[in-house]
């Protein structure tokens, strides 16, 4: 069986434009098949995706967070298909992302569990 290397990283408040090159450099050193970024924000999406594409990632799925809201981005060298979940409520949509890695017949649930201070609460999540 051939393994699949998955890297998950909380990039803290979207990573910032200044930190994006270092994030991409660090990800490249791990040579993962799939990268899951939590606290991803869409304001740096183009820089991240362009950098990932330069590293051989060609498939992307996002939880499409609202502007200035943290979400999840999955970058993959393997084909991804988003999965619509029956378990996630609207309040958790940007923090819950399910994908299927087609050629591995693998389903991956990507979560960013909220902190205790979040308005809608860690316990409810």
Protein backbone atom coordinates (compact mmCIF):
# COMPACT_ATOMS: atom_id res chain seq x y z
CA UNK A 1 0.00 0.00 0.00
CA UNK A 2 1.33 3.42 -0.94
CA UNK A 3 0.97 5.97 1.85
CA UNK A 4 -0.51 9.44 1.56
CA UNK A 5 1.20 12.24 3.46
CA UNK A 6 -1.15 14.85 4.92
CA UNK A 7 0.03 18.10 6.52
CA UNK A 8 -2.32 20.20 8.67
CA UNK A 9 -1.33 23.70 9.78
CA UNK A 10 -3.16 26.45 11.63
CA UNK A 11 -1.70 29.52 9.91
CA UNK A 12 -3.14 31.94 12.50
CA UNK A 13 -5.38 34.76 11.29
CA UNK A 14 -4.97 33.97 7.60
CA UNK A 15 -1.20 33.89 7.52
CA UNK A 16 -0.79 37.52 6.34
CA UNK A 17 0.69 38.59 3.03
CA UNK A 18 4.14 38.93 4.62
CA UNK A 19 4.07 35.37 6.02
CA UNK A 20 2.74 33.69 2.85
CA UNK A 21 6.22 33.06 1.28
CA UNK A 22 7.47 31.44 4.52
CA UNK A 23 4.31 29.34 4.81
CA UNK A 24 4.78 28.09 1.25
CA UNK A 25 8.49 27.43 1.85
CA UNK A 26 7.75 25.41 4.98
CA UNK A 27 5.00 23.42 3.28
CA UNK A 28 7.38 22.65 0.40
CA UNK A 29 9.94 21.19 2.82
CA UNK A 30 7.41 18.61 4.00
CA UNK A 31 6.51 17.39 0.49
CA UNK A 32 3.01 16.39 1.56
CA UNK A 33 0.43 15.02 -0.86
CA UNK A 34 -2.35 17.00 0.82
CA UNK A 35 -2.11 20.25 2.80
CA UNK A 36 -4.89 21.43 5.11
CA UNK A 37 -4.65 25.05 6.24
CA UNK A 38 -6.89 26.17 9.08
CA UNK A 39 -7.55 29.83 9.87
CA UNK A 40 -7.23 30.37 6.11
CA UNK A 41 -8.63 33.70 4.90
CA UNK A 42 -9.62 34.54 1.35
CA UNK A 43 -7.72 37.85 1.25
CA UNK A 44 -4.46 35.88 0.65
CA UNK A 45 -6.01 33.09 -1.39
CA UNK A 46 -4.43 33.99 -4.76
CA UNK A 47 -0.90 34.14 -3.32
CA UNK A 48 -1.33 30.81 -1.56
CA UNK A 49 -2.87 29.03 -4.53
CA UNK A 50 -0.25 30.36 -6.96
CA UNK A 51 2.50 29.21 -4.61
CA UNK A 52 0.92 25.80 -4.16
CA UNK A 53 0.52 25.38 -7.92
CA UNK A 54 4.25 26.10 -8.33
CA UNK A 55 4.87 23.20 -5.91
CA UNK A 56 2.74 20.74 -7.89
CA UNK A 57 -0.59 21.10 -6.08
CA UNK A 58 -3.37 21.22 -8.64
CA UNK A 59 -6.56 20.57 -6.68
CA UNK A 60 -8.09 23.02 -4.19
CA UNK A 61 -11.18 23.02 -2.01
CA UNK A 62 -12.10 25.75 0.45
CA UNK A 63 -14.79 26.21 3.05
CA UNK A 64 -15.29 29.65 1.44
CA UNK A 65 -15.20 31.73 4.61
CA UNK A 66 -16.70 35.20 4.67
CA UNK A 67 -14.17 38.06 4.40
CA UNK A 68 -12.09 38.51 7.58
CA UNK A 69 -13.35 35.14 8.83
CA UNK A 70 -11.15 32.08 9.28
CA UNK A 71 -11.88 28.96 7.28
CA UNK A 72 -10.16 25.94 5.76
CA UNK A 73 -8.21 25.47 2.52
CA UNK A 74 -7.19 22.04 1.21
CA UNK A 75 -4.48 21.90 -1.45
CA UNK A 76 -3.77 18.51 -2.99
CA UNK A 77 -1.59 16.79 -5.55
CA UNK A 78 -4.37 14.19 -5.75
CA UNK A 79 -7.87 14.70 -7.16
CA UNK A 80 -10.30 16.06 -4.56
CA UNK A 81 -14.07 16.11 -4.49
CA UNK A 82 -15.91 18.16 -1.85
CA UNK A 83 -18.50 16.28 0.18
CA UNK A 84 -21.66 17.97 1.40
CA UNK A 85 -22.13 17.09 5.03
CA UNK A 86 -25.42 16.43 6.73
CA UNK A 87 -23.74 16.96 10.12
CA UNK A 88 -22.54 20.54 9.90
CA UNK A 89 -24.82 23.44 10.81
CA UNK A 90 -24.62 26.84 9.12
CA UNK A 91 -22.72 28.38 12.06
CA UNK A 92 -19.89 25.87 11.66
CA UNK A 93 -19.74 25.83 7.85
CA UNK A 94 -16.42 27.69 7.51
CA UNK A 95 -14.74 25.44 10.13
CA UNK A 96 -15.90 22.07 8.76
CA UNK A 97 -14.77 20.76 5.38
CA UNK A 98 -15.14 17.22 4.06
CA UNK A 99 -13.36 16.01 0.93
CA UNK A 100 -12.82 12.72 -0.84
CA UNK A 101 -9.43 11.82 -2.28
CA UNK A 102 -10.71 9.96 -5.29
CA UNK A 103 -7.77 7.75 -6.26
CA UNK A 104 -7.19 6.68 -2.64
CA UNK A 105 -10.89 6.07 -1.88
CA UNK A 106 -10.27 8.14 1.24
CA UNK A 107 -12.60 10.60 2.92
CA UNK A 108 -10.98 13.37 4.92
CA UNK A 109 -12.76 15.53 7.50
CA UNK A 110 -10.94 18.82 8.08
CA UNK A 111 -11.93 20.69 11.23
CA UNK A 112 -10.97 23.87 13.00
CA UNK A 113 -12.45 23.53 16.48
CA UNK A 114 -13.42 26.95 17.88
CA UNK A 115 -11.85 28.34 21.02
CA UNK A 116 -13.85 28.63 24.22
CA UNK A 117 -14.31 32.38 23.64
CA UNK A 118 -16.10 31.98 20.31
CA UNK A 119 -19.67 33.31 20.32
CA UNK A 120 -21.36 30.08 19.25
CA UNK A 121 -19.20 27.99 21.56
CA UNK A 122 -16.76 25.13 21.53
CA UNK A 123 -19.14 22.75 23.32
CA UNK A 124 -21.84 23.08 20.67
CA UNK A 125 -19.32 22.37 17.93
